[in-house]
Amino acid sequence: MKDDTTQPRVCINCSHDLSDNMADLYCPHCGQYQVHKRLTIRVILLEMLSVLTNVERGLWRTIEDLTLRPSAVVKGYWSGMTRTYFNPFRYAFLMATFSALLTLSTGVYDKQMGEMQSEGIVSGDLADQPSDEAAFQAEINQKIQTFIRKYLSFFTLMMIPFGAFCLWLLLKGKGIYLGEHMVTSAYYFGHTSLLGIPLIVLSYYDVLHALGQMTISMVINLVYGAILIKKVNDISWGRTILTVPVLTILLLVILTLMSVSIGFFIAILLR
């Protein structure tokens, strides 16, 4: 019976001698992942999980440190600790996608939209409009909601470059590159997506209503953002308190313009 493990003495990619590095997962010379087991179903499933979450590249460490020591993650990644911490853009994609899937699959998104319409937060009353115009507007609203549902995580990810650019403008004198602000922005939007997941669960069980979730979510995002911006950019609390509201307003304006643009193009296509 064949042994189900293989112990290569050289890297299968660059033929580097691995005699002194048999316990390493990666070749110290070229970085090639070293397979030490036969490709059973279990190994394949673990490899698929690794591709999706890249656990061995610091996902859990990144979650813990972003929660307790967020500036350590950002500054660590800036300094080149790319193996200690999860890639910021993959982290943002993973968390934003998971949050969107959870919101849609549990019906929380539809429930929230219904509650916001009934409370007048978003407009859904077309009774005062002519029948043809009301029908056309209803069709536009339906198309917009379909688009938003389909690309819900896309809106979060689209805010990363805008958030970075706004930070760069507001803190231009700090000498931080736009690319470094991109890292900060990606970690911020990724982690606030994760922090919002308990609120989704509470909304699903009717513990929170739409307005309550929006309020708590905004408070969490503002507080977390303030701490992150202050610590990462080494600025005073006074400057932080001035920067965060301006940054929030700029991002809300950008998000509103994006939504209006989507509605405008949908209306043109329907005409």
C-alpha atoms as a PDB file:
ATOM      1  CA  MET A   1       0.000   0.000   0.000  1.00  0.00           C
ATOM      2  CA  LYS A   2       1.363   3.383  -0.980  1.00  0.00           C
ATOM      3  CA  ASP A   3       2.009   6.039   1.617  1.00  0.00           C
ATOM      4  CA  ASP A   4      -0.497   8.903   1.264  1.00  0.00           C
ATOM      5  CA  THR A   5       2.146  11.519   1.933  1.00  0.00           C
ATOM      6  CA  THR A   6       5.026  12.754  -0.097  1.00  0.00           C
ATOM      7  CA  GLN A   7       8.043  14.531   1.317  1.00  0.00           C
ATOM      8  CA  PRO A   8       9.829  16.319  -1.522  1.00  0.00           C
ATOM      9  CA  ARG A   9      13.511  17.026  -0.922  1.00  0.00           C
ATOM     10  CA  VAL A  10      13.532  19.793  -3.529  1.00  0.00           C
ATOM     11  CA  CYS A  11      10.984  22.435  -4.488  1.00  0.00           C
ATOM     12  CA  ILE A  12       8.825  21.224  -7.372  1.00  0.00           C
ATOM     13  CA  ASN A  13       8.967  24.709  -8.909  1.00  0.00           C
ATOM     14  CA  CYS A  14      12.582  25.900  -8.627  1.00  0.00           C
ATOM     15  CA  SER A  15      14.384  22.734  -7.384  1.00  0.00           C
ATOM     16  CA  HIS A  16      15.647  24.564  -4.293  1.00  0.00           C
ATOM     17  CA  ASP A  17      16.964  22.172  -1.633  1.00  0.00           C
ATOM     18  CA  LEU A  18      14.294  21.754   1.078  1.00  0.00           C
ATOM     19  CA  SER A  19      16.186  19.374   3.332  1.00  0.00           C
ATOM     20  CA  ASP A  20      16.391  21.969   6.108  1.00  0.00           C
ATOM     21  CA  ASN A  21      12.905  23.367   5.522  1.00  0.00           C
ATOM     22  CA  MET A  22      10.689  20.282   5.477  1.00  0.00           C
ATOM     23  CA  ALA A  23       8.168  21.800   7.913  1.00  0.00           C
ATOM     24  CA  ASP A  24       7.643  24.954   5.846  1.00  0.00           C
ATOM     25  CA  LEU A  25       4.491  25.351   3.763  1.00  0.00           C
ATOM     26  CA  TYR A  26       6.285  27.507   1.195  1.00  0.00           C
ATOM     27  CA  CYS A  27       9.630  27.293  -0.533  1.00  0.00           C
ATOM     28  CA  PRO A  28      11.950  29.898   1.054  1.00  0.00           C
ATOM     29  CA  HIS A  29      13.467  30.610  -2.369  1.00  0.00           C
ATOM     30  CA  CYS A  30      10.474  31.074  -4.733  1.00  0.00           C
ATOM     31  CA  GLY A  31       7.427  30.905  -2.447  1.00  0.00           C
ATOM     32  CA  GLN A  32       5.914  27.804  -4.102  1.00  0.00           C
ATOM     33  CA  TYR A  33       3.342  26.066  -1.881  1.00  0.00           C
ATOM     34  CA  GLN A  34       4.662  22.615  -0.974  1.00  0.00           C
ATOM     35  CA  VAL A  35       2.234  19.704  -1.190  1.00  0.00           C
ATOM     36  CA  HIS A  36       2.985  17.096   1.475  1.00  0.00           C
ATOM     37  CA  LYS A  37      -0.129  14.956   1.000  1.00  0.00           C
ATOM     38  CA  ARG A  38      -1.869  13.012  -1.771  1.00  0.00           C
ATOM     39  CA  LEU A  39      -4.750  14.920  -3.360  1.00  0.00           C
ATOM     40  CA  THR A  40      -7.659  13.355  -1.487  1.00  0.00           C
ATOM     41  CA  ILE A  41     -11.102  14.987  -1.442  1.00  0.00           C
ATOM     42  CA  ARG A  42     -10.329  16.348   2.016  1.00  0.00           C
ATOM     43  CA  VAL A  43      -7.107  17.970   0.799  1.00  0.00           C
ATOM     44  CA  ILE A  44      -8.901  19.463  -2.221  1.00  0.00           C
ATOM     45  CA  LEU A  45     -11.670  20.927  -0.013  1.00  0.00           C
ATOM     46  CA  LEU A  46      -9.104  22.407   2.358  1.00  0.00           C
ATOM     47  CA  GLU A  47      -7.249  23.879  -0.603  1.00  0.00           C
ATOM     48  CA  MET A  48     -10.486  25.431  -1.907  1.00  0.00           C
ATOM     49  CA  LEU A  49     -11.114  26.943   1.535  1.00  0.00           C
ATOM     50  CA  SER A  50      -7.552  28.224   1.553  1.00  0.00           C
ATOM     51  CA  VAL A  51      -8.047  29.929  -1.819  1.00  0.00           C
ATOM     52  CA  LEU A  52     -11.224  31.628  -0.606  1.00  0.00           C
ATOM     53  CA  THR A  53     -10.013  32.687   2.831  1.00  0.00           C
ATOM     54  CA  ASN A  54      -6.228  32.280   2.675  1.00  0.00           C
ATOM     55  CA  VAL A  55      -6.288  31.315   6.353  1.00  0.00           C
ATOM     56  CA  GLU A  56      -2.594  30.585   6.465  1.00  0.00           C
ATOM     57  CA  ARG A  57      -1.922  34.167   5.410  1.00  0.00           C
ATOM     58  CA  GLY A  58      -3.345  35.746   8.572  1.00  0.00           C
ATOM     59  CA  LEU A  59      -7.131  36.074   8.222  1.00  0.00           C
ATOM     60  CA  TRP A  60      -7.899  35.419  11.883  1.00  0.00           C
ATOM     61  CA  ARG A  61      -4.937  37.500  13.052  1.00  0.00           C
ATOM     62  CA  THR A  62      -6.149  40.324  10.809  1.00  0.00           C
ATOM     63  CA  ILE A  63      -9.707  40.169  12.202  1.00  0.00           C
ATOM     64  CA  GLU A  64      -8.426  40.200  15.788  1.00  0.00           C
ATOM     65  CA  ASP A  65      -5.975  43.057  15.248  1.00  0.00           C
ATOM     66  CA  LEU A  66      -8.389  45.155  13.172  1.00  0.00           C
ATOM     67  CA  THR A  67     -10.815  44.897  16.081  1.00  0.00           C
ATOM     68  CA  LEU A  68      -8.352  45.592  18.894  1.00  0.00           C
ATOM     69  CA  ARG A  69      -5.343  47.264  17.237  1.00  0.00           C
ATOM     70  CA  PRO A  70      -6.458  48.548  13.796  1.00  0.00           C
ATOM     71  CA  SER A  71      -3.495  50.856  13.252  1.00  0.00           C
ATOM     72  CA  ALA A  72      -1.092  47.939  13.800  1.00  0.00           C
ATOM     73  CA  VAL A  73      -2.619  46.133  10.812  1.00  0.00           C
ATOM     74  CA  VAL A  74      -2.527  49.131   8.479  1.00  0.00           C
ATOM     75  CA  LYS A  75       0.963  50.273   9.433  1.00  0.00           C
ATOM     76  CA  GLY A  76       2.158  46.679   9.450  1.00  0.00           C
ATOM     77  CA  TYR A  77       0.904  46.158   5.914  1.00  0.00           C
ATOM     78  CA  TRP A  78       2.459  49.470   4.874  1.00  0.00           C
ATOM     79  CA  SER A  79       5.806  48.273   6.213  1.00  0.00           C
ATOM     80  CA  GLY A  80       5.630  45.023   4.230  1.00  0.00           C
ATOM     81  CA  MET A  81       4.033  42.540   6.676  1.00  0.00           C
ATOM     82  CA  THR A  82       2.057  40.967   3.823  1.00  0.00           C
ATOM     83  CA  ARG A  83       2.312  37.449   5.241  1.00  0.00           C
ATOM     84  CA  THR A  84       1.284  38.434   8.752  1.00  0.00           C
ATOM     85  CA  TYR A  85      -1.858  40.233   7.640  1.00  0.00           C
ATOM     86  CA  PHE A  86      -4.543  39.411   5.105  1.00  0.00           C
ATOM     87  CA  ASN A  87      -4.474  41.359   1.851  1.00  0.00           C
ATOM     88  CA  PRO A  88      -6.652  44.479   2.436  1.00  0.00           C
ATOM     89  CA  PHE A  89      -8.480  44.320  -0.893  1.00  0.00           C
ATOM     90  CA  ARG A  90      -9.223  40.619  -0.619  1.00  0.00           C
ATOM     91  CA  TYR A  91     -10.354  41.244   2.971  1.00  0.00           C
ATOM     92  CA  ALA A  92     -12.733  43.996   1.833  1.00  0.00           C
ATOM     93  CA  PHE A  93     -14.088  41.793  -0.972  1.00  0.00           C
ATOM     94  CA  LEU A  94     -14.575  38.809   1.344  1.00  0.00           C
ATOM     95  CA  MET A  95     -16.327  40.726   4.126  1.00  0.00           C
ATOM     96  CA  ALA A  96     -18.456  42.925   1.841  1.00  0.00           C
ATOM     97  CA  THR A  97     -19.589  39.887  -0.160  1.00  0.00           C
ATOM     98  CA  PHE A  98     -20.392  37.861   2.960  1.00  0.00           C
ATOM     99  CA  SER A  99     -22.340  40.766   4.470  1.00  0.00           C
ATOM    100  CA  ALA A 100     -24.302  41.306   1.235  1.00  0.00           C
ATOM    101  CA  LEU A 101     -25.113  37.605   0.854  1.00  0.00           C
ATOM    102  CA  LEU A 102     -26.293  37.413   4.457  1.00  0.00           C
ATOM    103  CA  THR A 103     -28.440  40.539   4.089  1.00  0.00           C
ATOM    104  CA  LEU A 104     -30.097  39.270   0.913  1.00  0.00           C
ATOM    105  CA  SER A 105     -30.437  35.576   1.785  1.00  0.00           C
ATOM    106  CA  THR A 106     -32.123  36.287   5.134  1.00  0.00           C
ATOM    107  CA  GLY A 107     -34.577  38.762   3.605  1.00  0.00           C
ATOM    108  CA  VAL A 108     -33.269  41.558   5.843  1.00  0.00           C
ATOM    109  CA  TYR A 109     -32.657  43.857   2.862  1.00  0.00           C
ATOM    110  CA  ASP A 110     -36.269  43.579   1.621  1.00  0.00           C
ATOM    111  CA  LYS A 111     -37.574  43.973   5.169  1.00  0.00           C
ATOM    112  CA  GLN A 112     -35.500  47.114   5.670  1.00  0.00           C
ATOM    113  CA  MET A 113     -36.625  48.646   2.385  1.00  0.00           C
ATOM    114  CA  GLY A 114     -40.271  48.002   3.302  1.00  0.00           C
ATOM    115  CA  GLU A 115     -39.807  49.563   6.745  1.00  0.00           C
ATOM    116  CA  MET A 116     -38.007  52.612   5.337  1.00  0.00           C
ATOM    117  CA  GLN A 117     -40.792  53.156   2.778  1.00  0.00           C
ATOM    118  CA  SER A 118     -43.467  52.911   5.466  1.00  0.00           C
ATOM    119  CA  GLU A 119     -41.548  55.363   7.679  1.00  0.00           C
ATOM    120  CA  GLY A 120     -40.951  57.770   4.792  1.00  0.00           C
ATOM    121  CA  ILE A 121     -37.159  57.389   4.807  1.00  0.00           C
ATOM    122  CA  VAL A 122     -37.298  56.410   1.149  1.00  0.00           C
ATOM    123  CA  SER A 123     -40.083  57.403  -1.185  1.00  0.00           C
ATOM    124  CA  GLY A 124     -42.478  54.736  -2.357  1.00  0.00           C
ATOM    125  CA  ASP A 125     -45.735  56.716  -2.710  1.00  0.00           C
ATOM    126  CA  LEU A 126     -46.658  57.312  -6.366  1.00  0.00           C
ATOM    127  CA  ALA A 127     -50.350  57.975  -5.774  1.00  0.00           C
ATOM    128  CA  ASP A 128     -50.163  61.707  -6.624  1.00  0.00           C
ATOM    129  CA  GLN A 129     -48.569  61.128 -10.021  1.00  0.00           C
ATOM    130  CA  PRO A 130     -50.395  60.477 -13.326  1.00  0.00           C
ATOM    131  CA  SER A 131     -50.954  56.796 -13.947  1.00  0.00           C
ATOM    132  CA  ASP A 132     -48.507  56.554 -16.862  1.00  0.00           C
ATOM    133  CA  GLU A 133     -45.812  58.472 -15.006  1.00  0.00           C
ATOM    134  CA  ALA A 134     -46.439  56.467 -11.833  1.00  0.00           C
ATOM    135  CA  ALA A 135     -46.103  53.196 -13.738  1.00  0.00           C
ATOM    136  CA  PHE A 136     -42.882  54.405 -15.375  1.00  0.00           C
ATOM    137  CA  GLN A 137     -41.454  55.560 -12.029  1.00  0.00           C
ATOM    138  CA  ALA A 138     -42.431  52.259 -10.417  1.00  0.00           C
ATOM    139  CA  GLU A 139     -40.609  50.397 -13.198  1.00  0.00           C
ATOM    140  CA  ILE A 140     -37.501  52.534 -12.660  1.00  0.00           C
ATOM    141  CA  ASN A 141     -37.615  51.898  -8.904  1.00  0.00           C
ATOM    142  CA  GLN A 142     -37.934  48.177  -9.508  1.00  0.00           C
ATOM    143  CA  LYS A 143     -34.970  48.172 -11.913  1.00  0.00           C
ATOM    144  CA  ILE A 144     -32.870  50.177  -9.446  1.00  0.00           C
ATOM    145  CA  GLN A 145     -33.660  47.771  -6.617  1.00  0.00           C
ATOM    146  CA  THR A 146     -32.838  44.809  -8.855  1.00  0.00           C
ATOM    147  CA  PHE A 147     -29.496  46.400  -9.727  1.00  0.00           C
ATOM    148  CA  ILE A 148     -28.711  47.190  -6.088  1.00  0.00           C
ATOM    149  CA  ARG A 149     -29.603  43.671  -4.979  1.00  0.00           C
ATOM    150  CA  LYS A 150     -27.376  42.194  -7.668  1.00  0.00           C
ATOM    151  CA  TYR A 151     -24.392  44.420  -6.918  1.00  0.00           C
ATOM    152  CA  LEU A 152     -24.879  45.202  -3.224  1.00  0.00           C
ATOM    153  CA  SER A 153     -21.277  44.430  -2.278  1.00  0.00           C
ATOM    154  CA  PHE A 154     -20.092  46.402  -5.323  1.00  0.00           C
ATOM    155  CA  PHE A 155     -21.240  49.661  -3.724  1.00  0.00           C
ATOM    156  CA  THR A 156     -19.081  48.996  -0.653  1.00  0.00           C
ATOM    157  CA  LEU A 157     -16.049  48.107  -2.774  1.00  0.00           C
ATOM    158  CA  MET A 158     -16.543  51.164  -4.999  1.00  0.00           C
ATOM    159  CA  MET A 159     -16.234  53.398  -1.943  1.00  0.00           C
ATOM    160  CA  ILE A 160     -12.657  52.211  -1.270  1.00  0.00           C
ATOM    161  CA  PRO A 161     -10.908  54.427  -3.877  1.00  0.00           C
ATOM    162  CA  PHE A 162     -13.229  57.350  -3.127  1.00  0.00           C
ATOM    163  CA  GLY A 163     -12.564  57.033   0.598  1.00  0.00           C
ATOM    164  CA  ALA A 164      -8.828  56.880  -0.033  1.00  0.00           C
ATOM    165  CA  PHE A 165      -8.883  59.928  -2.305  1.00  0.00           C
ATOM    166  CA  CYS A 166     -10.921  61.972   0.195  1.00  0.00           C
ATOM    167  CA  LEU A 167      -8.520  60.998   2.992  1.00  0.00           C
ATOM    168  CA  TRP A 168      -5.582  61.987   0.816  1.00  0.00           C
ATOM    169  CA  LEU A 169      -7.140  65.410   0.193  1.00  0.00           C
ATOM    170  CA  LEU A 170      -8.061  66.020   3.839  1.00  0.00           C
ATOM    171  CA  LEU A 171      -4.706  64.841   5.211  1.00  0.00           C
ATOM    172  CA  LYS A 172      -2.465  65.895   2.353  1.00  0.00           C
ATOM    173  CA  GLY A 173       0.120  67.446   4.638  1.00  0.00           C
ATOM    174  CA  LYS A 174       0.879  64.151   6.387  1.00  0.00           C
ATOM    175  CA  GLY A 175       2.980  62.861   3.502  1.00  0.00           C
ATOM    176  CA  ILE A 176       1.019  59.607   3.160  1.00  0.00           C
ATOM    177  CA  TYR A 177       0.731  58.237  -0.370  1.00  0.00           C
ATOM    178  CA  LEU A 178      -2.650  57.694  -2.017  1.00  0.00           C
ATOM    179  CA  GLY A 179      -1.829  53.977  -2.290  1.00  0.00           C
ATOM    180  CA  GLU A 180      -1.302  53.812   1.474  1.00  0.00           C
ATOM    181  CA  HIS A 181      -4.669  55.470   2.028  1.00  0.00           C
ATOM    182  CA  MET A 182      -6.132  52.795  -0.265  1.00  0.00           C
ATOM    183  CA  VAL A 183      -4.925  50.147   2.193  1.00  0.00           C
ATOM    184  CA  THR A 184      -6.506  52.039   5.105  1.00  0.00           C
ATOM    185  CA  SER A 185      -9.767  52.471   3.196  1.00  0.00           C
ATOM    186  CA  ALA A 186      -9.945  48.810   2.169  1.00  0.00           C
ATOM    187  CA  TYR A 187      -9.399  47.571   5.718  1.00  0.00           C
ATOM    188  CA  TYR A 188     -11.968  50.077   7.011  1.00  0.00           C
ATOM    189  CA  PHE A 189     -14.761  49.132   4.630  1.00  0.00           C
ATOM    190  CA  GLY A 190     -13.984  45.433   4.993  1.00  0.00           C
ATOM    191  CA  HIS A 191     -13.997  45.461   8.780  1.00  0.00           C
ATOM    192  CA  THR A 192     -17.062  47.680   9.171  1.00  0.00           C
ATOM    193  CA  SER A 193     -18.869  45.190   6.915  1.00  0.00           C
ATOM    194  CA  LEU A 194     -17.876  42.476   9.387  1.00  0.00           C
ATOM    195  CA  LEU A 195     -18.860  44.580  12.409  1.00  0.00           C
ATOM    196  CA  GLY A 196     -22.298  45.086  10.857  1.00  0.00           C
ATOM    197  CA  ILE A 197     -23.062  41.361  10.644  1.00  0.00           C
ATOM    198  CA  PRO A 198     -24.429  41.089  14.233  1.00  0.00           C
ATOM    199  CA  LEU A 199     -26.840  43.919  13.372  1.00  0.00           C
ATOM    200  CA  ILE A 200     -28.075  41.925  10.373  1.00  0.00           C
ATOM    201  CA  VAL A 201     -28.757  38.964  12.657  1.00  0.00           C
ATOM    202  CA  LEU A 202     -30.603  41.178  15.162  1.00  0.00           C
ATOM    203  CA  SER A 203     -32.689  42.638  12.321  1.00  0.00           C
ATOM    204  CA  TYR A 204     -33.539  39.158  11.082  1.00  0.00           C
ATOM    205  CA  TYR A 205     -34.964  38.274  14.516  1.00  0.00           C
ATOM    206  CA  ASP A 206     -36.819  41.630  14.682  1.00  0.00           C
ATOM    207  CA  VAL A 207     -34.732  42.863  17.606  1.00  0.00           C
ATOM    208  CA  LEU A 208     -33.745  45.898  15.509  1.00  0.00           C
ATOM    209  CA  HIS A 209     -35.833  47.789  12.981  1.00  0.00           C
ATOM    210  CA  ALA A 210     -34.408  49.521   9.913  1.00  0.00           C
ATOM    211  CA  LEU A 211     -33.950  52.950  11.500  1.00  0.00           C
ATOM    212  CA  GLY A 212     -32.359  51.424  14.599  1.00  0.00           C
ATOM    213  CA  GLN A 213     -29.929  49.368  12.545  1.00  0.00           C
ATOM    214  CA  MET A 214     -28.990  52.369  10.404  1.00  0.00           C
ATOM    215  CA  THR A 215     -28.362  54.512  13.493  1.00  0.00           C
ATOM    216  CA  ILE A 216     -26.263  51.929  15.336  1.00  0.00           C
ATOM    217  CA  SER A 217     -24.361  51.064  12.168  1.00  0.00           C
ATOM    218  CA  MET A 218     -23.539  54.726  11.546  1.00  0.00           C
ATOM    219  CA  VAL A 219     -22.330  55.197  15.135  1.00  0.00           C
ATOM    220  CA  ILE A 220     -20.103  52.100  14.888  1.00  0.00           C
ATOM    221  CA  ASN A 221     -18.685  53.230  11.544  1.00  0.00           C
ATOM    222  CA  LEU A 222     -18.005  56.774  12.775  1.00  0.00           C
ATOM    223  CA  VAL A 223     -16.342  55.677  16.022  1.00  0.00           C
ATOM    224  CA  TYR A 224     -14.270  52.964  14.367  1.00  0.00           C
ATOM    225  CA  GLY A 225     -13.319  55.299  11.527  1.00  0.00           C
ATOM    226  CA  ALA A 226     -12.267  58.030  13.954  1.00  0.00           C
ATOM    227  CA  ILE A 227     -10.033  55.652  15.917  1.00  0.00           C
ATOM    228  CA  LEU A 228      -8.513  54.233  12.743  1.00  0.00           C
ATOM    229  CA  ILE A 229      -7.846  57.625  11.153  1.00  0.00           C
ATOM    230  CA  LYS A 230      -6.335  59.083  14.317  1.00  0.00           C
ATOM    231  CA  LYS A 231      -4.025  56.164  15.042  1.00  0.00           C
ATOM    232  CA  VAL A 232      -2.940  55.482  11.464  1.00  0.00           C
ATOM    233  CA  ASN A 233      -2.270  59.107  10.531  1.00  0.00           C
ATOM    234  CA  ASP A 234      -0.918  60.189  13.948  1.00  0.00           C
ATOM    235  CA  ILE A 235      -3.177  63.225  14.230  1.00  0.00           C
ATOM    236  CA  SER A 236      -4.787  64.873  17.242  1.00  0.00           C
ATOM    237  CA  TRP A 237      -8.317  64.153  18.400  1.00  0.00           C
ATOM    238  CA  GLY A 238      -9.241  67.725  17.449  1.00  0.00           C
ATOM    239  CA  ARG A 239      -8.211  67.221  13.841  1.00  0.00           C
ATOM    240  CA  THR A 240      -9.831  63.786  13.840  1.00  0.00           C
ATOM    241  CA  ILE A 241     -13.167  65.223  15.015  1.00  0.00           C
ATOM    242  CA  LEU A 242     -12.988  67.778  12.212  1.00  0.00           C
ATOM    243  CA  THR A 243     -11.899  65.263   9.558  1.00  0.00           C
ATOM    244  CA  VAL A 244     -14.390  62.441  10.151  1.00  0.00           C
ATOM    245  CA  PRO A 245     -17.646  64.441   9.610  1.00  0.00           C
ATOM    246  CA  VAL A 246     -16.259  66.075   6.454  1.00  0.00           C
ATOM    247  CA  LEU A 247     -15.114  62.700   5.145  1.00  0.00           C
ATOM    248  CA  THR A 248     -18.526  61.173   5.937  1.00  0.00           C
ATOM    249  CA  ILE A 249     -20.380  63.969   4.129  1.00  0.00           C
ATOM    250  CA  LEU A 250     -18.125  63.645   1.074  1.00  0.00           C
ATOM    251  CA  LEU A 251     -18.707  59.885   0.903  1.00  0.00           C
ATOM    252  CA  LEU A 252     -22.486  60.301   1.328  1.00  0.00           C
ATOM    253  CA  VAL A 253     -22.494  62.834  -1.520  1.00  0.00           C
ATOM    254  CA  ILE A 254     -20.514  60.423  -3.710  1.00  0.00           C
ATOM    255  CA  LEU A 255     -22.855  57.537  -2.840  1.00  0.00           C
ATOM    256  CA  THR A 256     -25.888  59.711  -3.617  1.00  0.00           C
ATOM    257  CA  LEU A 257     -24.415  60.742  -6.975  1.00  0.00           C
ATOM    258  CA  MET A 258     -23.750  57.090  -7.782  1.00  0.00           C
ATOM    259  CA  SER A 259     -27.369  56.183  -6.974  1.00  0.00           C
ATOM    260  CA  VAL A 260     -28.755  59.099  -8.993  1.00  0.00           C
ATOM    261  CA  SER A 261     -26.523  58.187 -11.930  1.00  0.00           C
ATOM    262  CA  ILE A 262     -27.773  54.605 -11.857  1.00  0.00           C
ATOM    263  CA  GLY A 263     -31.371  55.809 -11.816  1.00  0.00           C
ATOM    264  CA  PHE A 264     -30.665  58.253 -14.657  1.00  0.00           C
ATOM    265  CA  PHE A 265     -29.130  55.617 -16.918  1.00  0.00           C
ATOM    266  CA  ILE A 266     -31.898  53.124 -16.162  1.00  0.00           C
ATOM    267  CA  ALA A 267     -34.477  55.788 -17.026  1.00  0.00           C
ATOM    268  CA  ILE A 268     -32.696  56.459 -20.348  1.00  0.00           C
ATOM    269  CA  LEU A 269     -32.656  52.756 -21.183  1.00  0.00           C
ATOM    270  CA  LEU A 270     -36.358  52.402 -20.385  1.00  0.00           C
ATOM    271  CA  ARG A 271     -37.275  55.394 -22.546  1.00  0.00           C
END
